[in-house]
Amino acid sequence: MSLVWNVFTKSECGYRATCDMCSKSFSNLGSNTTNLWNHIKKSHKGKYNELDKQKRGTENCELGPSDMFDLCSKTTETKLHTKQTVMTSFTLTPSNKLKLDKILAYFVAVDMMPYNIVEKEGFKFLCLGCQELSESHTGDNLASAIQLQLLEYNCDIDASIGAISTDYGANVLKAVDNLKIPHVPCFGHSFNTAVKNIFELDEVKVSINNVRAIQNIFAYSWKAVKEMAIEQQRYGLKTVKFPSYSKTRWWYLLDLIEVVLSQELPIASSLRTYNKGVYKDRMVDEHQVEILKTVISTLSPIRKISDNLAGESYVTASAILPVVNMIWKKILEVDEQVITVENSVCVVLKKKMLETMMTVLTNRYGNNITLKMCTALDPRFKLDRIDIEQTSIDLESFKATIKEECIRTWQYSLSKSELCLELSIGDKVENEINGYFNLPKIDYELSPITWWHLNGTMFPFLKVMANKLMCMQATSVASERVFSRAGNIVTDQRASLTEDHCSQLIYLSMNKKFVPNAFNF
């Protein structure tokens, strides 16, 4: 029995424990007593030291690892001699101990097991101490938290950091400004803002609200769903259910619109008959169908691009400006279209939607010099993909900016490698820049990282800068995946999980693919 119960008393329900010294009550659903030990350590230091000495004295009297293995070998020697080779005495040498520790650490990390797994039979008791720190998410506090996180890895905010990708929250922008790090607004958040503005257009809003109303009818009535299935069967269509709708995920609404358009006939029949036709006014008319089809044709291609920019295993940031450039060219193509009576609604609406998108994207990316350099050093795009109407640049001035940043990055790399800086580096960098831009572009399917790996000897100065910029992320989805993983970590079995402990488990979970197999020894 744990010594902690010398200070705590278990409640009759078995779910709570009360401190005998200060009468505070704590959750205690299972056998885990870490939160109780933490309370004693924090509030009753003298008692904690006393119990700690008793615990250490008890542990010293227990069987040592070598004794335990000797005992196991002797008992199993007589029972299992007919099934396996006779076990000899196991000596826990330093090398054997290291192997066992590696196996245990691999098991806990890769299988995302709680640390209290070592409290169970077959393991020694292990007590972890953590300190919780909660602060408001102001820009100053966020900046301090990022700096502390970097200090844990002995990293500074210097020329080695290409940029930081975040959403467009005011507190986040303040933190980035405090840190003096180049900023790349998350394309996913930016595009989400642009799409929300599109859905608020007067021409689109009525149709979108009607689609949401139709979804609500079938989401809260099983009878409506049943009648809908009958109508789908009558029209020879596949039985399709309405997807759920989320205010924070605009693409769910795009899926919903596609279902409404593909199931237009059975939906209309169901609304006429369901509940005595009380919802028949919700049927989409011909004008709304035309608007919804325009929304789908305009947003679906960009949705696929947005999904591709959320990747982590390939270069993404360099594609942001080419995407913005593509949207601008789409507007020019719409301007050249001949407007007739049949297509007037679609053409005018499509142009307005694209202009709404461009307003948001140009505001966030138009003057981002870091993104321009990243795109220019991507051999798939180079210079012809960063010049759009609102963000035209002077070529010679831009090359001078690349030269300045390249020299700064090179000087930083030399300071880490203890090499000497050549006096003629400026001329060499300028020659590399001109030589690089004179080369032909590569196919879009090829990897820019592979290209720089193969051609880095031709452009050693630019390669250092390219390696830094190619690591930039177009979106903050990678960070959000880390947050989502927390849902698999914080479970009911971990009621007393501290913030620091949770952070460690999430780190192990997200990086377990880099953990070497402990059994390869």
Protein backbone atom coordinates (compact mmCIF):
# COMPACT_ATOMS: atom_id res chain seq x y z
CA MET A 1 0.00 0.00 0.00
CA SER A 2 1.31 3.45 -0.91
CA LEU A 3 2.65 5.63 1.92
CA VAL A 4 0.51 8.49 0.61
CA TRP A 5 -2.45 7.00 2.49
CA ASN A 6 -0.76 7.96 5.76
CA VAL A 7 -1.84 11.50 4.89
CA PHE A 8 -4.97 10.94 2.77
CA THR A 9 -8.27 9.22 3.54
CA LYS A 10 -10.27 7.47 0.82
CA SER A 11 -13.94 8.50 0.54
CA GLU A 12 -16.73 5.93 0.87
CA CYS A 13 -17.59 6.22 -2.81
CA GLY A 14 -13.99 5.38 -3.68
CA TYR A 15 -13.66 8.26 -6.16
CA ARG A 16 -12.21 10.97 -3.89
CA ALA A 17 -9.34 11.32 -1.43
CA THR A 18 -9.22 13.93 1.38
CA CYS A 19 -6.02 15.33 2.86
CA ASP A 20 -5.96 14.82 6.66
CA MET A 21 -3.72 17.88 7.10
CA CYS A 22 -5.67 20.56 5.17
CA SER A 23 -9.01 18.80 4.37
CA LYS A 24 -8.68 19.40 0.62
CA SER A 25 -10.37 16.82 -1.60
CA PHE A 26 -8.88 15.37 -4.80
CA SER A 27 -10.03 13.02 -7.56
CA ASN A 28 -8.75 9.45 -7.17
CA LEU A 29 -10.60 7.16 -9.57
CA GLY A 30 -7.97 4.45 -9.94
CA SER A 31 -4.71 3.44 -8.34
CA ASN A 32 -2.76 6.48 -9.56
CA THR A 33 -1.62 8.65 -6.63
CA THR A 34 0.61 11.11 -8.50
CA ASN A 35 -1.74 14.06 -7.91
CA LEU A 36 -1.83 13.23 -4.19
CA TRP A 37 1.97 13.14 -3.98
CA ASN A 38 2.13 16.44 -5.85
CA HIS A 39 -0.21 18.04 -3.31
CA ILE A 40 1.90 16.86 -0.36
CA LYS A 41 5.08 18.03 -2.07
CA LYS A 42 3.62 21.47 -2.76
CA SER A 43 1.61 22.15 0.41
CA HIS A 44 3.21 19.98 3.12
CA LYS A 45 6.92 19.95 2.36
CA GLY A 46 8.00 18.56 5.73
CA LYS A 47 5.60 15.62 5.57
CA TYR A 48 6.65 14.94 1.98
CA ASN A 49 10.33 14.69 2.96
CA GLU A 50 9.42 12.33 5.81
CA LEU A 51 7.40 10.01 3.55
CA ASP A 52 10.05 10.20 0.85
CA LYS A 53 12.72 8.95 3.29
CA GLN A 54 10.44 6.09 4.38
CA LYS A 55 9.76 5.15 0.77
CA ARG A 56 13.46 5.12 -0.10
CA GLY A 57 14.21 2.96 2.92
CA THR A 58 11.52 0.45 1.89
CA GLU A 59 12.80 0.29 -1.68
CA ASN A 60 16.32 -0.49 -0.48
CA CYS A 61 15.01 -3.58 1.31
CA GLU A 62 13.31 -5.00 -1.78
CA LEU A 63 14.80 -7.61 -4.05
CA GLY A 64 17.32 -6.26 -6.49
CA PRO A 65 16.92 -6.87 -10.22
CA SER A 66 19.60 -9.58 -10.28
CA ASP A 67 17.95 -11.39 -7.34
CA MET A 68 14.59 -11.25 -9.10
CA PHE A 69 15.98 -12.71 -12.29
CA ASP A 70 17.86 -15.39 -10.32
CA LEU A 71 14.62 -16.37 -8.61
CA CYS A 72 12.76 -16.48 -11.91
CA SER A 73 15.44 -18.62 -13.51
CA LYS A 74 15.41 -21.15 -10.67
CA THR A 75 11.62 -21.56 -10.58
CA THR A 76 11.22 -21.84 -14.32
CA GLU A 77 14.21 -24.13 -14.73
CA THR A 78 12.35 -27.14 -13.35
CA LYS A 79 8.96 -26.34 -14.90
CA LEU A 80 9.91 -25.44 -18.47
CA HIS A 81 12.92 -27.67 -19.12
CA THR A 82 10.90 -29.86 -21.49
CA LYS A 83 9.75 -26.87 -23.60
CA GLN A 84 12.79 -24.64 -23.91
CA THR A 85 16.47 -24.40 -23.21
CA VAL A 86 17.31 -24.25 -19.51
CA MET A 87 17.57 -20.62 -18.35
CA THR A 88 20.74 -19.60 -16.60
CA SER A 89 21.20 -16.85 -14.04
CA PHE A 90 20.60 -13.43 -15.57
CA THR A 91 23.22 -10.86 -14.54
CA LEU A 92 22.07 -7.25 -14.83
CA THR A 93 25.22 -5.72 -16.22
CA PRO A 94 25.28 -2.03 -17.30
CA SER A 95 24.90 -3.04 -20.94
CA ASN A 96 21.92 -5.32 -20.17
CA LYS A 97 20.30 -2.58 -18.10
CA LEU A 98 20.68 -0.15 -21.01
CA LYS A 99 19.02 -2.64 -23.37
CA LEU A 100 16.07 -3.15 -21.01
CA ASP A 101 15.67 0.61 -20.51
CA LYS A 102 15.60 1.12 -24.28
CA ILE A 103 12.94 -1.56 -24.71
CA LEU A 104 10.78 -0.06 -21.95
CA ALA A 105 11.14 3.49 -23.32
CA TYR A 106 10.30 2.27 -26.83
CA PHE A 107 7.19 0.49 -25.52
CA VAL A 108 5.92 3.56 -23.61
CA ALA A 109 6.64 6.02 -26.45
CA VAL A 110 5.48 4.12 -29.54
CA ASP A 111 2.36 2.55 -27.99
CA MET A 112 1.42 5.87 -26.30
CA MET A 113 1.13 4.13 -22.93
CA PRO A 114 0.62 6.15 -19.74
CA TYR A 115 3.72 6.41 -17.58
CA ASN A 116 1.93 4.66 -14.72
CA ILE A 117 2.25 1.43 -16.73
CA VAL A 118 5.52 0.96 -14.84
CA GLU A 119 3.60 0.89 -11.55
CA LYS A 120 2.03 -2.42 -12.49
CA GLU A 121 3.34 -5.89 -11.75
CA GLY A 122 6.77 -6.48 -13.23
CA PHE A 123 7.94 -2.87 -13.05
CA LYS A 124 9.53 -0.73 -10.34
CA PHE A 125 7.63 2.26 -9.01
CA LEU A 126 8.31 5.53 -10.79
CA CYS A 127 7.19 8.96 -9.55
CA LEU A 128 7.18 11.93 -11.95
CA GLY A 129 6.95 15.52 -10.77
CA CYS A 130 5.56 18.27 -13.06
CA GLN A 131 4.68 21.93 -12.64
CA GLU A 132 1.64 23.52 -14.28
CA LEU A 133 1.77 27.06 -15.72
CA SER A 134 -1.31 28.76 -17.20
CA GLU A 135 -1.31 32.28 -18.63
CA SER A 136 -3.60 34.34 -20.84
CA HIS A 137 -2.86 34.06 -24.55
CA THR A 138 -1.62 37.60 -25.10
CA GLY A 139 0.94 38.39 -27.76
CA ASP A 140 3.66 39.01 -25.16
CA ASN A 141 2.97 35.71 -23.37
CA LEU A 142 2.92 33.76 -26.63
CA ALA A 143 6.24 35.28 -27.67
CA SER A 144 7.79 34.37 -24.31
CA ALA A 145 6.47 30.80 -24.56
CA ILE A 146 8.00 30.36 -28.03
CA GLN A 147 11.34 31.72 -26.82
CA LEU A 148 11.37 29.35 -23.85
CA GLN A 149 10.53 26.43 -26.11
CA LEU A 150 13.46 27.27 -28.37
CA LEU A 151 15.79 27.66 -25.40
CA GLU A 152 15.02 24.07 -24.33
CA TYR A 153 16.73 22.99 -27.55
CA ASN A 154 19.49 25.62 -27.22
CA CYS A 155 18.13 27.44 -30.28
CA ASP A 156 18.05 31.18 -30.85
CA ILE A 157 15.81 33.26 -33.07
CA ASP A 158 18.36 33.96 -35.77
CA ALA A 159 19.03 33.78 -39.50
CA SER A 160 18.51 30.00 -39.50
CA ILE A 161 14.71 30.45 -39.17
CA GLY A 162 13.02 31.00 -42.52
CA ALA A 163 9.59 32.06 -41.28
CA ILE A 164 6.77 31.17 -38.91
CA SER A 165 3.37 30.10 -40.28
CA THR A 166 0.35 31.09 -38.18
CA ASP A 167 -3.25 32.19 -38.43
CA TYR A 168 -4.18 35.87 -38.53
CA GLY A 169 -5.22 36.36 -34.90
CA ALA A 170 -4.27 39.73 -33.45
CA ASN A 171 -2.47 38.15 -30.48
CA VAL A 172 -0.53 35.80 -32.76
CA LEU A 173 0.53 38.64 -35.05
CA LYS A 174 1.67 40.58 -32.00
CA ALA A 175 3.78 37.61 -30.84
CA VAL A 176 5.39 37.27 -34.28
CA ASP A 177 6.14 40.98 -34.33
CA ASN A 178 7.77 40.77 -30.89
CA LEU A 179 9.94 37.86 -32.00
CA LYS A 180 11.06 39.64 -35.19
CA ILE A 181 10.53 36.47 -37.24
CA PRO A 182 9.39 36.63 -40.90
CA HIS A 183 5.70 35.73 -41.03
CA VAL A 184 3.74 33.57 -43.48
CA PRO A 185 -0.04 33.78 -42.95
CA CYS A 186 -1.63 30.32 -43.03
CA PHE A 187 -3.14 29.82 -46.49
CA GLY A 188 -5.85 27.60 -45.04
CA HIS A 189 -7.04 30.30 -42.64
CA SER A 190 -6.71 33.01 -45.28
CA PHE A 191 -8.71 31.06 -47.83
CA ASN A 192 -11.29 30.21 -45.17
CA THR A 193 -11.74 33.94 -44.49
CA ALA A 194 -12.08 34.61 -48.22
CA VAL A 195 -14.72 31.90 -48.65
CA LYS A 196 -16.71 33.18 -45.67
CA ASN A 197 -16.76 36.60 -47.33
CA ILE A 198 -18.02 34.96 -50.52
CA PHE A 199 -20.82 33.23 -48.65
CA GLU A 200 -21.86 36.62 -47.25
CA LEU A 201 -22.30 38.16 -50.71
CA ASP A 202 -25.90 39.22 -51.30
CA GLU A 203 -26.13 37.10 -54.45
CA VAL A 204 -24.92 33.97 -52.63
CA LYS A 205 -26.19 34.34 -49.07
CA VAL A 206 -29.85 33.51 -49.77
CA SER A 207 -28.99 30.30 -51.63
CA ILE A 208 -26.48 29.22 -48.97
CA ASN A 209 -28.98 29.79 -46.16
CA ASN A 210 -31.55 27.72 -48.06
CA VAL A 211 -29.07 24.84 -48.38
CA ARG A 212 -28.42 24.97 -44.63
CA ALA A 213 -32.16 24.97 -43.94
CA ILE A 214 -32.64 21.87 -46.11
CA GLN A 215 -29.83 20.11 -44.24
CA ASN A 216 -31.45 20.97 -40.89
CA ILE A 217 -34.76 19.43 -41.97
CA PHE A 218 -33.18 16.06 -42.70
CA ALA A 219 -30.68 16.24 -39.83
CA TYR A 220 -33.33 16.34 -37.09
CA SER A 221 -36.06 14.07 -38.49
CA TRP A 222 -35.70 10.37 -39.15
CA LYS A 223 -39.06 10.44 -40.94
CA ALA A 224 -37.74 12.98 -43.44
CA VAL A 225 -34.66 10.80 -44.03
CA LYS A 226 -36.89 7.78 -44.61
CA GLU A 227 -39.07 9.61 -47.14
CA MET A 228 -35.95 10.94 -48.84
CA ALA A 229 -34.60 7.39 -49.25
CA ILE A 230 -37.90 6.32 -50.83
CA GLU A 231 -37.76 9.21 -53.31
CA GLN A 232 -34.13 8.47 -54.17
CA GLN A 233 -35.05 4.88 -54.93
CA ARG A 234 -38.00 6.01 -57.05
CA TYR A 235 -35.76 8.23 -59.17
CA GLY A 236 -33.14 5.50 -59.45
CA LEU A 237 -30.51 7.47 -57.54
CA LYS A 238 -28.01 6.20 -55.01
CA THR A 239 -29.06 6.64 -51.38
CA VAL A 240 -26.99 9.56 -50.13
CA LYS A 241 -27.19 11.14 -46.70
CA PHE A 242 -26.64 14.82 -46.04
CA PRO A 243 -23.15 15.52 -44.69
CA SER A 244 -22.84 17.33 -41.39
CA TYR A 245 -22.19 21.06 -41.46
CA SER A 246 -19.51 22.89 -39.48
CA LYS A 247 -19.16 26.66 -39.25
CA THR A 248 -15.38 26.41 -38.93
CA ARG A 249 -14.91 24.11 -41.96
CA TRP A 250 -16.23 25.74 -45.09
CA TRP A 251 -15.55 22.70 -47.30
CA TYR A 252 -18.32 20.81 -45.45
CA LEU A 253 -20.74 23.33 -46.90
CA LEU A 254 -19.28 22.67 -50.36
CA ASP A 255 -19.98 18.95 -49.90
CA LEU A 256 -23.50 19.81 -48.77
CA ILE A 257 -24.12 21.94 -51.87
CA GLU A 258 -22.97 19.09 -54.12
CA VAL A 259 -25.46 16.72 -52.46
CA VAL A 260 -28.31 19.22 -52.84
CA LEU A 261 -27.53 19.66 -56.54
CA SER A 262 -27.11 15.94 -57.26
CA GLN A 263 -30.29 15.04 -55.34
CA GLU A 264 -32.42 17.96 -56.56
CA LEU A 265 -35.38 15.87 -57.76
CA PRO A 266 -35.81 13.57 -54.70
CA ILE A 267 -35.31 16.55 -52.37
CA ALA A 268 -38.05 18.51 -54.14
CA SER A 269 -40.44 15.53 -54.01
CA SER A 270 -39.70 14.92 -50.32
CA LEU A 271 -40.24 18.55 -49.34
CA ARG A 272 -43.61 18.61 -51.15
CA THR A 273 -44.95 15.60 -49.25
CA TYR A 274 -43.13 15.59 -45.89
CA ASN A 275 -45.17 16.99 -42.99
CA LYS A 276 -48.00 18.04 -45.35
CA GLY A 277 -45.69 20.19 -47.45
CA VAL A 278 -44.82 22.67 -44.70
CA TYR A 279 -41.25 22.90 -46.05
CA LYS A 280 -42.04 23.09 -49.76
CA ASP A 281 -40.93 26.74 -49.84
CA ARG A 282 -37.38 25.47 -49.15
CA MET A 283 -37.07 23.87 -52.58
CA VAL A 284 -34.20 25.35 -54.59
CA ASP A 285 -35.43 27.22 -57.65
CA GLU A 286 -33.73 27.51 -61.02
CA HIS A 287 -31.96 30.76 -60.10
CA GLN A 288 -30.53 29.25 -56.89
CA VAL A 289 -29.36 26.17 -58.76
CA GLU A 290 -27.45 28.40 -61.17
CA ILE A 291 -25.81 30.27 -58.29
CA LEU A 292 -24.87 27.08 -56.42
CA LYS A 293 -23.33 25.57 -59.55
CA THR A 294 -21.23 28.71 -59.98
CA VAL A 295 -20.06 28.43 -56.37
CA ILE A 296 -19.05 24.79 -56.91
CA SER A 297 -17.25 25.42 -60.20
CA THR A 298 -15.32 28.35 -58.71
CA LEU A 299 -14.33 26.94 -55.32
CA SER A 300 -13.80 23.22 -56.00
CA PRO A 301 -10.50 23.58 -57.93
CA ILE A 302 -9.08 25.95 -55.31
CA ARG A 303 -10.19 23.57 -52.56
CA LYS A 304 -7.99 20.84 -54.05
CA ILE A 305 -5.08 23.27 -54.18
CA SER A 306 -5.67 24.26 -50.55
CA ASP A 307 -5.64 20.60 -49.50
CA ASN A 308 -2.32 20.06 -51.28
CA LEU A 309 -0.79 23.08 -49.56
CA ALA A 310 -1.54 21.48 -46.18
CA GLY A 311 1.13 18.80 -46.67
CA GLU A 312 4.22 18.43 -44.50
CA SER A 313 6.48 16.11 -46.50
CA TYR A 314 7.02 18.37 -49.51
CA VAL A 315 7.60 22.06 -50.33
CA THR A 316 4.41 24.12 -50.00
CA ALA A 317 5.13 27.78 -49.17
CA SER A 318 6.64 28.51 -52.58
CA ALA A 319 3.30 27.67 -54.24
CA ILE A 320 1.24 30.33 -52.43
CA LEU A 321 2.08 33.24 -54.74
CA PRO A 322 1.61 31.13 -57.91
CA VAL A 323 -1.87 30.22 -56.63
CA VAL A 324 -2.70 33.88 -55.99
CA ASN A 325 -1.31 34.64 -59.44
CA MET A 326 -3.58 31.98 -60.95
CA ILE A 327 -6.69 33.47 -59.29
CA TRP A 328 -5.80 36.90 -60.65
CA LYS A 329 -5.46 35.47 -64.17
CA LYS A 330 -8.88 33.81 -63.77
CA ILE A 331 -10.34 37.26 -63.16
CA LEU A 332 -8.73 38.51 -66.36
CA GLU A 333 -10.18 35.53 -68.25
CA VAL A 334 -13.66 36.30 -66.92
CA ASP A 335 -13.29 39.92 -68.07
CA GLU A 336 -12.65 38.68 -71.60
CA GLN A 337 -15.77 36.50 -71.66
CA VAL A 338 -18.70 37.65 -73.75
CA ILE A 339 -21.71 38.23 -71.50
CA THR A 340 -25.02 36.93 -72.84
CA VAL A 341 -28.48 36.60 -71.37
CA GLU A 342 -27.87 32.95 -70.58
CA ASN A 343 -24.54 33.35 -68.78
CA SER A 344 -24.82 36.85 -67.33
CA VAL A 345 -25.57 35.66 -63.79
CA CYS A 346 -22.73 33.12 -63.73
CA VAL A 347 -20.08 35.38 -65.27
CA VAL A 348 -20.82 38.39 -63.07
CA LEU A 349 -21.03 36.27 -59.91
CA LYS A 350 -17.85 34.35 -60.69
CA LYS A 351 -15.90 37.57 -61.17
CA LYS A 352 -17.25 38.99 -57.92
CA MET A 353 -16.30 35.81 -56.03
CA LEU A 354 -12.76 35.81 -57.42
CA GLU A 355 -12.33 39.51 -56.63
CA THR A 356 -13.51 38.85 -53.06
CA MET A 357 -10.86 36.15 -52.73
CA MET A 358 -8.17 38.38 -54.19
CA THR A 359 -8.98 41.16 -51.72
CA VAL A 360 -8.12 38.89 -48.78
CA LEU A 361 -5.17 37.07 -50.36
CA THR A 362 -3.52 40.20 -51.76
CA ASN A 363 -3.83 41.94 -48.41
CA ARG A 364 -2.02 39.07 -46.68
CA TYR A 365 0.51 37.98 -49.30
CA GLY A 366 0.98 40.89 -51.71
CA ASN A 367 3.94 42.49 -49.91
CA ASN A 368 5.45 39.37 -48.32
CA ILE A 369 9.08 39.54 -49.45
CA THR A 370 9.95 36.25 -47.71
CA LEU A 371 7.38 34.37 -49.80
CA LYS A 372 8.61 36.08 -52.96
CA MET A 373 12.17 34.91 -52.29
CA CYS A 374 10.92 31.40 -51.50
CA THR A 375 9.00 31.25 -54.80
CA ALA A 376 11.92 32.69 -56.76
CA LEU A 377 14.29 30.02 -55.40
CA ASP A 378 11.86 27.24 -56.33
CA PRO A 379 13.13 26.09 -59.76
CA ARG A 380 9.56 25.22 -60.76
CA PHE A 381 8.35 28.85 -60.59
CA LYS A 382 11.22 31.36 -60.37
CA LEU A 383 10.34 35.00 -61.21
CA ASP A 384 7.41 34.74 -63.60
CA ARG A 385 5.00 33.52 -60.89
CA ILE A 386 5.38 36.28 -58.31
CA ASP A 387 4.44 39.32 -60.40
CA ILE A 388 0.71 39.97 -60.14
CA GLU A 389 -1.20 43.16 -60.72
CA GLN A 390 -1.17 44.43 -57.16
CA THR A 391 2.34 43.29 -56.23
CA SER A 392 4.52 44.12 -59.21
CA ILE A 393 8.22 44.32 -58.29
CA ASP A 394 11.38 45.86 -59.66
CA LEU A 395 13.54 42.95 -60.83
CA GLU A 396 16.93 44.49 -60.04
CA SER A 397 15.79 45.63 -56.61
CA PHE A 398 14.41 42.17 -55.90
CA LYS A 399 17.68 40.50 -56.92
CA ALA A 400 19.51 42.88 -54.58
CA THR A 401 17.21 41.80 -51.75
CA ILE A 402 17.93 38.14 -52.48
CA LYS A 403 21.65 38.93 -52.51
CA GLU A 404 21.47 40.68 -49.14
CA GLU A 405 19.51 37.83 -47.52
CA CYS A 406 21.78 35.22 -49.08
CA ILE A 407 24.90 36.90 -47.65
CA ARG A 408 23.25 37.19 -44.22
CA THR A 409 22.32 33.49 -44.23
CA TRP A 410 25.77 32.50 -45.45
CA GLN A 411 27.47 34.56 -42.75
CA TYR A 412 25.34 32.84 -40.13
CA SER A 413 26.23 29.38 -41.47
CA LEU A 414 29.92 30.31 -41.41
CA SER A 415 29.69 31.45 -37.80
CA LYS A 416 28.41 27.98 -36.91
CA SER A 417 31.08 26.17 -38.92
CA GLU A 418 33.99 28.42 -37.87
CA LEU A 419 35.03 29.15 -41.46
CA CYS A 420 36.30 32.47 -42.79
CA LEU A 421 34.16 34.81 -44.88
CA GLU A 422 35.63 35.64 -48.25
CA LEU A 423 35.90 39.31 -49.18
CA SER A 424 34.54 38.71 -52.69
CA ILE A 425 31.37 36.97 -51.52
CA GLY A 426 29.13 39.75 -52.86
CA ASP A 427 30.30 39.28 -56.45
CA LYS A 428 30.02 35.49 -56.18
CA VAL A 429 26.45 35.67 -54.85
CA GLU A 430 25.47 38.07 -57.62
CA ASN A 431 26.91 35.73 -60.26
CA GLU A 432 25.04 32.79 -58.73
CA ILE A 433 21.75 34.70 -58.76
CA ASN A 434 22.11 35.65 -62.43
CA GLY A 435 23.21 32.13 -63.36
CA TYR A 436 20.31 30.53 -61.50
CA PHE A 437 17.65 32.70 -63.15
CA ASN A 438 19.15 32.05 -66.59
CA LEU A 439 18.55 28.31 -66.22
CA PRO A 440 15.25 26.88 -67.53
CA LYS A 441 12.51 25.99 -65.07
CA ILE A 442 11.81 22.38 -64.15
CA ASP A 443 8.53 20.46 -64.37
CA TYR A 444 5.96 21.05 -61.65
CA GLU A 445 5.98 17.36 -60.75
CA LEU A 446 9.67 17.44 -59.78
CA SER A 447 10.90 18.17 -56.27
CA PRO A 448 12.72 21.49 -55.74
CA ILE A 449 14.59 19.96 -52.80
CA THR A 450 15.96 17.22 -55.05
CA TRP A 451 16.95 19.84 -57.65
CA TRP A 452 18.92 21.85 -55.10
CA HIS A 453 20.56 18.68 -53.81
CA LEU A 454 21.77 17.83 -57.31
CA ASN A 455 22.73 21.37 -58.36
CA GLY A 456 23.89 22.78 -55.04
CA THR A 457 27.55 22.63 -56.04
CA MET A 458 26.83 25.14 -58.82
CA PHE A 459 25.15 27.57 -56.42
CA PRO A 460 26.64 26.95 -52.94
CA PHE A 461 25.56 30.33 -51.54
CA LEU A 462 22.00 30.16 -52.87
CA LYS A 463 21.67 26.56 -51.74
CA VAL A 464 22.09 27.54 -48.08
CA MET A 465 19.34 30.13 -48.43
CA ALA A 466 17.10 27.76 -50.42
CA ASN A 467 17.41 25.04 -47.77
CA LYS A 468 16.12 27.52 -45.20
CA LEU A 469 13.22 28.85 -47.29
CA MET A 470 12.08 25.49 -48.66
CA CYS A 471 11.28 24.40 -45.10
CA MET A 472 8.59 27.06 -44.72
CA GLN A 473 5.01 25.81 -44.42
CA ALA A 474 2.12 27.25 -46.42
CA THR A 475 -0.36 26.47 -43.63
CA SER A 476 -0.43 25.92 -39.89
CA VAL A 477 -2.19 22.57 -40.37
CA ALA A 478 0.89 20.74 -39.08
CA SER A 479 0.48 22.46 -35.72
CA GLU A 480 -3.24 21.72 -35.65
CA ARG A 481 -2.50 18.04 -36.22
CA VAL A 482 -0.48 18.14 -33.02
CA PHE A 483 -3.46 19.65 -31.17
CA SER A 484 -5.76 16.96 -32.58
CA ARG A 485 -3.41 14.24 -31.35
CA ALA A 486 -4.03 15.49 -27.80
CA GLY A 487 -7.52 13.99 -28.00
CA ASN A 488 -5.94 10.53 -28.22
CA ILE A 489 -3.65 11.29 -25.28
CA VAL A 490 -5.98 12.90 -22.73
CA THR A 491 -8.39 10.07 -21.94
CA ASP A 492 -10.52 9.11 -18.93
CA GLN A 493 -7.73 6.82 -17.76
CA ARG A 494 -5.48 9.88 -17.37
CA ALA A 495 -7.58 12.04 -15.07
CA SER A 496 -4.54 13.49 -13.30
CA LEU A 497 -2.50 14.29 -16.40
CA THR A 498 -0.54 17.54 -16.02
CA GLU A 499 0.18 19.99 -18.83
CA ASP A 500 3.90 19.20 -18.95
CA HIS A 501 3.28 15.46 -18.90
CA CYS A 502 0.69 15.79 -21.66
CA SER A 503 3.11 17.86 -23.75
CA GLN A 504 5.77 15.14 -23.42
CA LEU A 505 3.35 12.42 -24.51
CA ILE A 506 2.17 14.43 -27.52
CA TYR A 507 5.79 15.06 -28.51
CA LEU A 508 6.55 11.33 -28.35
CA SER A 509 3.40 10.47 -30.25
CA MET A 510 4.07 12.91 -33.09
CA ASN A 511 7.74 11.90 -33.42
CA LYS A 512 7.58 8.16 -32.79
CA LYS A 513 8.39 7.46 -36.44
CA PHE A 514 11.88 8.78 -35.70
CA VAL A 515 12.34 6.47 -32.70
CA PRO A 516 14.73 3.63 -33.60
CA ASN A 517 13.56 0.11 -32.91
CA ALA A 518 15.01 -0.83 -29.53
CA PHE A 519 15.04 -4.52 -30.42
CA ASN A 520 17.74 -4.10 -33.05
CA PHE A 521 20.74 -4.80 -30.81
